[in-house]
PDB file of N, CA and C in Angstrom:
ATOM      1  N   MET A   1      -1.657  10.845 -18.969  1.00  0.00           N
ATOM      2  CA  MET A   1      -1.042   9.537 -18.823  1.00  0.00           C
ATOM      3  C   MET A   1      -1.072   9.146 -17.342  1.00  0.00           C
ATOM      4  N   PRO A   2      -1.560   7.942 -17.021  1.00  0.00           N
ATOM      5  CA  PRO A   2      -1.626   7.522 -15.621  1.00  0.00           C
ATOM      6  C   PRO A   2      -0.231   7.318 -15.037  1.00  0.00           C
ATOM      7  N   SER A   3      -0.140   7.545 -13.737  1.00  0.00           N
ATOM      8  CA  SER A   3       1.117   7.308 -13.034  1.00  0.00           C
ATOM      9  C   SER A   3       1.387   5.818 -12.938  1.00  0.00           C
ATOM     10  N   LYS A   4       2.662   5.497 -12.808  1.00  0.00           N
ATOM     11  CA  LYS A   4       3.063   4.110 -12.595  1.00  0.00           C
ATOM     12  C   LYS A   4       3.688   4.020 -11.207  1.00  0.00           C
ATOM     13  N   MET A   5       3.211   3.064 -10.423  1.00  0.00           N
ATOM     14  CA  MET A   5       3.766   2.828  -9.098  1.00  0.00           C
ATOM     15  C   MET A   5       4.460   1.480  -9.110  1.00  0.00           C
ATOM     16  N   THR A   6       5.594   1.422  -8.441  1.00  0.00           N
ATOM     17  CA  THR A   6       6.353   0.185  -8.336  1.00  0.00           C
ATOM     18  C   THR A   6       6.320  -0.287  -6.892  1.00  0.00           C
ATOM     19  N   ILE A   7       6.075  -1.567  -6.699  1.00  0.00           N
ATOM     20  CA  ILE A   7       6.161  -2.137  -5.359  1.00  0.00           C
ATOM     21  C   ILE A   7       7.640  -2.230  -5.023  1.00  0.00           C
ATOM     22  N   SER A   8       8.043  -1.514  -3.989  1.00  0.00           N
ATOM     23  CA  SER A   8       9.467  -1.459  -3.655  1.00  0.00           C
ATOM     24  C   SER A   8       9.847  -2.314  -2.453  1.00  0.00           C
ATOM     25  N   HIS A   9       8.895  -2.605  -1.573  1.00  0.00           N
ATOM     26  CA  HIS A   9       9.203  -3.378  -0.369  1.00  0.00           C
ATOM     27  C   HIS A   9       7.998  -4.219   0.056  1.00  0.00           C
ATOM     28  N   LEU A  10       8.298  -5.358   0.584  1.00  0.00           N
ATOM     29  CA  LEU A  10       7.328  -6.178   1.304  1.00  0.00           C
ATOM     30  C   LEU A  10       8.016  -6.558   2.602  1.00  0.00           C
ATOM     31  N   SER A  11       7.418  -6.181   3.712  1.00  0.00           N
ATOM     32  CA  SER A  11       8.057  -6.495   4.995  1.00  0.00           C
ATOM     33  C   SER A  11       7.060  -7.152   5.938  1.00  0.00           C
ATOM     34  N   HIS A  12       7.613  -7.931   6.840  1.00  0.00           N
ATOM     35  CA  HIS A  12       6.805  -8.656   7.826  1.00  0.00           C
ATOM     36  C   HIS A  12       7.327  -8.316   9.220  1.00  0.00           C
ATOM     37  N   ASP A  13       6.437  -7.869  10.086  1.00  0.00           N
ATOM     38  CA  ASP A  13       6.768  -7.614  11.482  1.00  0.00           C
ATOM     39  C   ASP A  13       6.304  -8.835  12.263  1.00  0.00           C
ATOM     40  N   ILE A  14       7.241  -9.682  12.605  1.00  0.00           N
ATOM     41  CA  ILE A  14       6.913 -10.953  13.247  1.00  0.00           C
ATOM     42  C   ILE A  14       6.291 -10.736  14.622  1.00  0.00           C
ATOM     43  N   GLY A  15       6.797  -9.750  15.351  1.00  0.00           N
ATOM     44  CA  GLY A  15       6.274  -9.481  16.688  1.00  0.00           C
ATOM     45  C   GLY A  15       4.826  -9.039  16.670  1.00  0.00           C
ATOM     46  N   LEU A  16       4.485  -8.149  15.735  1.00  0.00           N
ATOM     47  CA  LEU A  16       3.104  -7.645  15.646  1.00  0.00           C
ATOM     48  C   LEU A  16       2.225  -8.497  14.743  1.00  0.00           C
ATOM     49  N   LYS A  17       2.846  -9.434  14.031  1.00  0.00           N
ATOM     50  CA  LYS A  17       2.136 -10.272  13.062  1.00  0.00           C
ATOM     51  C   LYS A  17       1.383  -9.401  12.050  1.00  0.00           C
ATOM     52  N   LYS A  18       2.149  -8.474  11.443  1.00  0.00           N
ATOM     53  CA  LYS A  18       1.612  -7.583  10.410  1.00  0.00           C
ATOM     54  C   LYS A  18       2.587  -7.541   9.252  1.00  0.00           C
ATOM     55  N   SER A  19       2.051  -7.350   8.059  1.00  0.00           N
ATOM     56  CA  SER A  19       2.880  -7.212   6.865  1.00  0.00           C
ATOM     57  C   SER A  19       2.521  -5.915   6.156  1.00  0.00           C
ATOM     58  N   PHE A  20       3.505  -5.343   5.485  1.00  0.00           N
ATOM     59  CA  PHE A  20       3.331  -4.059   4.826  1.00  0.00           C
ATOM     60  C   PHE A  20       3.962  -4.087   3.448  1.00  0.00           C
ATOM     61  N   VAL A  21       3.336  -3.366   2.530  1.00  0.00           N
ATOM     62  CA  VAL A  21       3.869  -3.208   1.186  1.00  0.00           C
ATOM     63  C   VAL A  21       4.128  -1.722   0.972  1.00  0.00           C
ATOM     64  N   SER A  22       5.225  -1.405   0.299  1.00  0.00           N
ATOM     65  CA  SER A  22       5.582  -0.014   0.011  1.00  0.00           C
ATOM     66  C   SER A  22       5.624   0.185  -1.501  1.00  0.00           C
ATOM     67  N   PHE A  23       5.170   1.360  -1.909  1.00  0.00           N
ATOM     68  CA  PHE A  23       5.162   1.728  -3.322  1.00  0.00           C
ATOM     69  C   PHE A  23       5.986   2.993  -3.519  1.00  0.00           C
ATOM     70  N   VAL A  24       6.535   3.144  -4.705  1.00  0.00           N
ATOM     71  CA  VAL A  24       7.205   4.378  -5.091  1.00  0.00           C
ATOM     72  C   VAL A  24       6.729   4.716  -6.510  1.00  0.00           C
ATOM     73  N   TRP A  25       6.476   5.989  -6.761  1.00  0.00           N
ATOM     74  CA  TRP A  25       6.032   6.426  -8.086  1.00  0.00           C
ATOM     75  C   TRP A  25       7.222   6.448  -9.024  1.00  0.00           C
ATOM     76  N   ALA A  26       7.047   5.910 -10.223  1.00  0.00           N
ATOM     77  CA  ALA A  26       8.131   5.844 -11.196  1.00  0.00           C
ATOM     78  C   ALA A  26       8.536   7.229 -11.690  1.00  0.00           C
ATOM     79  N   ASP A  27       7.568   8.135 -11.827  1.00  0.00           N
ATOM     80  CA  ASP A  27       7.873   9.462 -12.360  1.00  0.00           C
ATOM     81  C   ASP A  27       8.250  10.475 -11.283  1.00  0.00           C
ATOM     82  N   ASP A  28       8.132  10.102 -10.017  1.00  0.00           N
ATOM     83  CA  ASP A  28       8.486  11.003  -8.917  1.00  0.00           C
ATOM     84  C   ASP A  28       8.860  10.167  -7.694  1.00  0.00           C
ATOM     85  N   PRO A  29      10.131   9.766  -7.585  1.00  0.00           N
ATOM     86  CA  PRO A  29      10.551   8.888  -6.496  1.00  0.00           C
ATOM     87  C   PRO A  29      10.366   9.454  -5.089  1.00  0.00           C
ATOM     88  N   SER A  30      10.060  10.749  -4.983  1.00  0.00           N
ATOM     89  CA  SER A  30       9.802  11.308  -3.655  1.00  0.00           C
ATOM     90  C   SER A  30       8.394  10.966  -3.179  1.00  0.00           C
ATOM     91  N   LYS A  31       7.523  10.511  -4.093  1.00  0.00           N
ATOM     92  CA  LYS A  31       6.171  10.097  -3.714  1.00  0.00           C
ATOM     93  C   LYS A  31       6.191   8.619  -3.355  1.00  0.00           C
ATOM     94  N   ARG A  32       5.789   8.339  -2.119  1.00  0.00           N
ATOM     95  CA  ARG A  32       5.795   6.963  -1.622  1.00  0.00           C
ATOM     96  C   ARG A  32       4.512   6.697  -0.849  1.00  0.00           C
ATOM     97  N   LEU A  33       4.156   5.428  -0.756  1.00  0.00           N
ATOM     98  CA  LEU A  33       2.961   5.022  -0.029  1.00  0.00           C
ATOM     99  C   LEU A  33       3.233   3.671   0.609  1.00  0.00           C
ATOM    100  N   GLY A  34       2.823   3.509   1.843  1.00  0.00           N
ATOM    101  CA  GLY A  34       2.935   2.233   2.535  1.00  0.00           C
ATOM    102  C   GLY A  34       1.576   1.813   3.064  1.00  0.00           C
ATOM    103  N   LEU A  35       1.216   0.557   2.832  1.00  0.00           N
ATOM    104  CA  LEU A  35      -0.079   0.041   3.269  1.00  0.00           C
ATOM    105  C   LEU A  35       0.086  -1.351   3.876  1.00  0.00           C
ATOM    106  N   GLU A  36      -0.812  -1.672   4.777  1.00  0.00           N
ATOM    107  CA  GLU A  36      -0.812  -3.004   5.380  1.00  0.00           C
ATOM    108  C   GLU A  36      -1.456  -4.002   4.429  1.00  0.00           C
ATOM    109  N   VAL A  37      -0.882  -5.180   4.373  1.00  0.00           N
ATOM    110  CA  VAL A  37      -1.433  -6.310   3.608  1.00  0.00           C
ATOM    111  C   VAL A  37      -1.574  -7.478   4.583  1.00  0.00           C
ATOM    112  N   PRO A  38      -2.280  -8.542   4.192  1.00  0.00           N
ATOM    113  CA  PRO A  38      -2.434  -9.670   5.115  1.00  0.00           C
ATOM    114  C   PRO A  38      -1.078 -10.212   5.586  1.00  0.00           C
ATOM    115  N   TYR A  39      -1.027 -10.543   6.866  1.00  0.00           N
ATOM    116  CA  TYR A  39       0.223 -11.038   7.446  1.00  0.00           C
ATOM    117  C   TYR A  39       0.714 -12.277   6.706  1.00  0.00           C
ATOM    118  N   GLY A  40       1.991 -12.262   6.397  1.00  0.00           N
ATOM    119  CA  GLY A  40       2.614 -13.403   5.741  1.00  0.00           C
ATOM    120  C   GLY A  40       2.452 -13.413   4.231  1.00  0.00           C
ATOM    121  N   THR A  41       1.973 -12.324   3.653  1.00  0.00           N
ATOM    122  CA  THR A  41       1.821 -12.265   2.195  1.00  0.00           C
ATOM    123  C   THR A  41       3.145 -12.666   1.543  1.00  0.00           C
ATOM    124  N   SER A  42       3.063 -13.551   0.561  1.00  0.00           N
ATOM    125  CA  SER A  42       4.270 -14.023  -0.127  1.00  0.00           C
ATOM    126  C   SER A  42       4.579 -13.130  -1.323  1.00  0.00           C
ATOM    127  N   LEU A  43       5.790 -13.247  -1.833  1.00  0.00           N
ATOM    128  CA  LEU A  43       6.166 -12.491  -3.031  1.00  0.00           C
ATOM    129  C   LEU A  43       5.265 -12.859  -4.209  1.00  0.00           C
ATOM    130  N   ALA A  44       4.858 -14.107  -4.275  1.00  0.00           N
ATOM    131  CA  ALA A  44       3.986 -14.546  -5.373  1.00  0.00           C
ATOM    132  C   ALA A  44       2.616 -13.872  -5.303  1.00  0.00           C
ATOM    133  N   ASP A  45       2.187 -13.494  -4.105  1.00  0.00           N
ATOM    134  CA  ASP A  45       0.856 -12.914  -3.914  1.00  0.00           C
ATOM    135  C   ASP A  45       0.871 -11.406  -3.660  1.00  0.00           C
ATOM    136  N   VAL A  46       2.053 -10.794  -3.672  1.00  0.00           N
ATOM    137  CA  VAL A  46       2.150  -9.394  -3.261  1.00  0.00           C
ATOM    138  C   VAL A  46       1.396  -8.453  -4.194  1.00  0.00           C
ATOM    139  N   GLU A  47       1.395  -8.703  -5.494  1.00  0.00           N
ATOM    140  CA  GLU A  47       0.712  -7.791  -6.413  1.00  0.00           C
ATOM    141  C   GLU A  47      -0.796  -7.766  -6.146  1.00  0.00           C
ATOM    142  N   THR A  48      -1.396  -8.926  -5.982  1.00  0.00           N
ATOM    143  CA  THR A  48      -2.832  -9.002  -5.699  1.00  0.00           C
ATOM    144  C   THR A  48      -3.157  -8.357  -4.356  1.00  0.00           C
ATOM    145  N   ALA A  49      -2.346  -8.644  -3.340  1.00  0.00           N
ATOM    146  CA  ALA A  49      -2.573  -8.067  -2.014  1.00  0.00           C
ATOM    147  C   ALA A  49      -2.406  -6.547  -2.049  1.00  0.00           C
ATOM    148  N   ALA A  50      -1.423  -6.070  -2.815  1.00  0.00           N
ATOM    149  CA  ALA A  50      -1.184  -4.631  -2.926  1.00  0.00           C
ATOM    150  C   ALA A  50      -2.349  -3.930  -3.617  1.00  0.00           C
ATOM    151  N   GLU A  51      -2.865  -4.529  -4.678  1.00  0.00           N
ATOM    152  CA  GLU A  51      -4.003  -3.936  -5.389  1.00  0.00           C
ATOM    153  C   GLU A  51      -5.226  -3.861  -4.480  1.00  0.00           C
ATOM    154  N   LYS A  52      -5.456  -4.897  -3.677  1.00  0.00           N
ATOM    155  CA  LYS A  52      -6.592  -4.873  -2.751  1.00  0.00           C
ATOM    156  C   LYS A  52      -6.380  -3.809  -1.676  1.00  0.00           C
ATOM    157  N   ALA A  53      -5.151  -3.691  -1.175  1.00  0.00           N
ATOM    158  CA  ALA A  53      -4.860  -2.685  -0.150  1.00  0.00           C
ATOM    159  C   ALA A  53      -5.110  -1.281  -0.698  1.00  0.00           C
ATOM    160  N   ILE A  54      -4.733  -1.037  -1.944  1.00  0.00           N
ATOM    161  CA  ILE A  54      -4.975   0.274  -2.561  1.00  0.00           C
ATOM    162  C   ILE A  54      -6.475   0.508  -2.713  1.00  0.00           C
ATOM    163  N   SER A  55      -7.190  -0.493  -3.188  1.00  0.00           N
ATOM    164  CA  SER A  55      -8.638  -0.366  -3.373  1.00  0.00           C
ATOM    165  C   SER A  55      -9.334  -0.064  -2.038  1.00  0.00           C
ATOM    166  N   ASP A  56      -8.943  -0.780  -0.988  1.00  0.00           N
ATOM    167  CA  ASP A  56      -9.523  -0.542   0.336  1.00  0.00           C
ATOM    168  C   ASP A  56      -9.200   0.872   0.826  1.00  0.00           C
ATOM    169  N   PHE A  57      -7.975   1.326   0.579  1.00  0.00           N
ATOM    170  CA  PHE A  57      -7.550   2.656   1.006  1.00  0.00           C
ATOM    171  C   PHE A  57      -8.324   3.738   0.262  1.00  0.00           C
ATOM    172  N   VAL A  58      -8.519   3.555  -1.033  1.00  0.00           N
ATOM    173  CA  VAL A  58      -9.301   4.519  -1.822  1.00  0.00           C
ATOM    174  C   VAL A  58     -10.723   4.619  -1.260  1.00  0.00           C
ATOM    175  N   GLY A  59     -11.327   3.481  -0.957  1.00  0.00           N
ATOM    176  CA  GLY A  59     -12.668   3.482  -0.369  1.00  0.00           C
ATOM    177  C   GLY A  59     -12.707   4.203   0.963  1.00  0.00           C
ATOM    178  N   GLU A  60     -11.674   3.986   1.782  1.00  0.00           N
ATOM    179  CA  GLU A  60     -11.606   4.660   3.076  1.00  0.00           C
ATOM    180  C   GLU A  60     -11.468   6.169   2.891  1.00  0.00           C
ATOM    181  N   LEU A  61     -10.636   6.587   1.947  1.00  0.00           N
ATOM    182  CA  LEU A  61     -10.463   8.018   1.687  1.00  0.00           C
ATOM    183  C   LEU A  61     -11.762   8.653   1.164  1.00  0.00           C
ATOM    184  N   GLN A  62     -12.460   7.948   0.278  1.00  0.00           N
ATOM    185  CA  GLN A  62     -13.695   8.486  -0.286  1.00  0.00           C
ATOM    186  C   GLN A  62     -14.775   8.630   0.777  1.00  0.00           C
ATOM    187  N   ALA A  63     -14.762   7.754   1.770  1.00  0.00           N
ATOM    188  CA  ALA A  63     -15.781   7.798   2.821  1.00  0.00           C
ATOM    189  C   ALA A  63     -15.413   8.750   3.963  1.00  0.00           C
ATOM    190  N   ALA A  64     -14.153   9.168   3.999  1.00  0.00           N
ATOM    191  CA  ALA A  64     -13.685  10.010   5.108  1.00  0.00           C
ATOM    192  C   ALA A  64     -14.261  11.409   5.014  1.00  0.00           C
ATOM    193  N   ARG A  65     -14.511  11.988   6.172  1.00  0.00           N
ATOM    194  CA  ARG A  65     -14.961  13.355   6.260  1.00  0.00           C
ATOM    195  C   ARG A  65     -13.748  14.218   6.590  1.00  0.00           C
ATOM    196  N   ILE A  66     -13.588  15.297   5.900  1.00  0.00           N
ATOM    197  CA  ILE A  66     -12.459  16.197   6.139  1.00  0.00           C
ATOM    198  C   ILE A  66     -12.966  17.398   6.908  1.00  0.00           C
ATOM    199  N   ASP A  67     -12.362  17.663   8.046  1.00  0.00           N
ATOM    200  CA  ASP A  67     -12.731  18.785   8.898  1.00  0.00           C
ATOM    201  C   ASP A  67     -11.536  19.714   9.061  1.00  0.00           C
ATOM    202  N   LEU A  68     -11.829  20.959   9.203  1.00  0.00           N
ATOM    203  CA  LEU A  68     -10.801  21.924   9.572  1.00  0.00           C
ATOM    204  C   LEU A  68     -10.707  21.962  11.095  1.00  0.00           C
ATOM    205  N   PRO A  69      -9.522  22.213  11.637  1.00  0.00           N
ATOM    206  CA  PRO A  69      -9.386  22.242  13.099  1.00  0.00           C
ATOM    207  C   PRO A  69     -10.151  23.398  13.716  1.00  0.00           C
TER     208      PRO A  69
END
């Protein structure tokens, strides 16, 4: 069964002109994730922006090289 994530926060840093969305896993509240979304994202657009942020993050992780120190 796939995990369910809930969008728990949308915040805007006016000074840095950045916005962030936070997620929490429904089945394990200790698992959390925060990602940047376009500055000024509205509540009406947060789900779409969050899905794109996750997709971009997955692509970044898949392309990343993991090295041992």
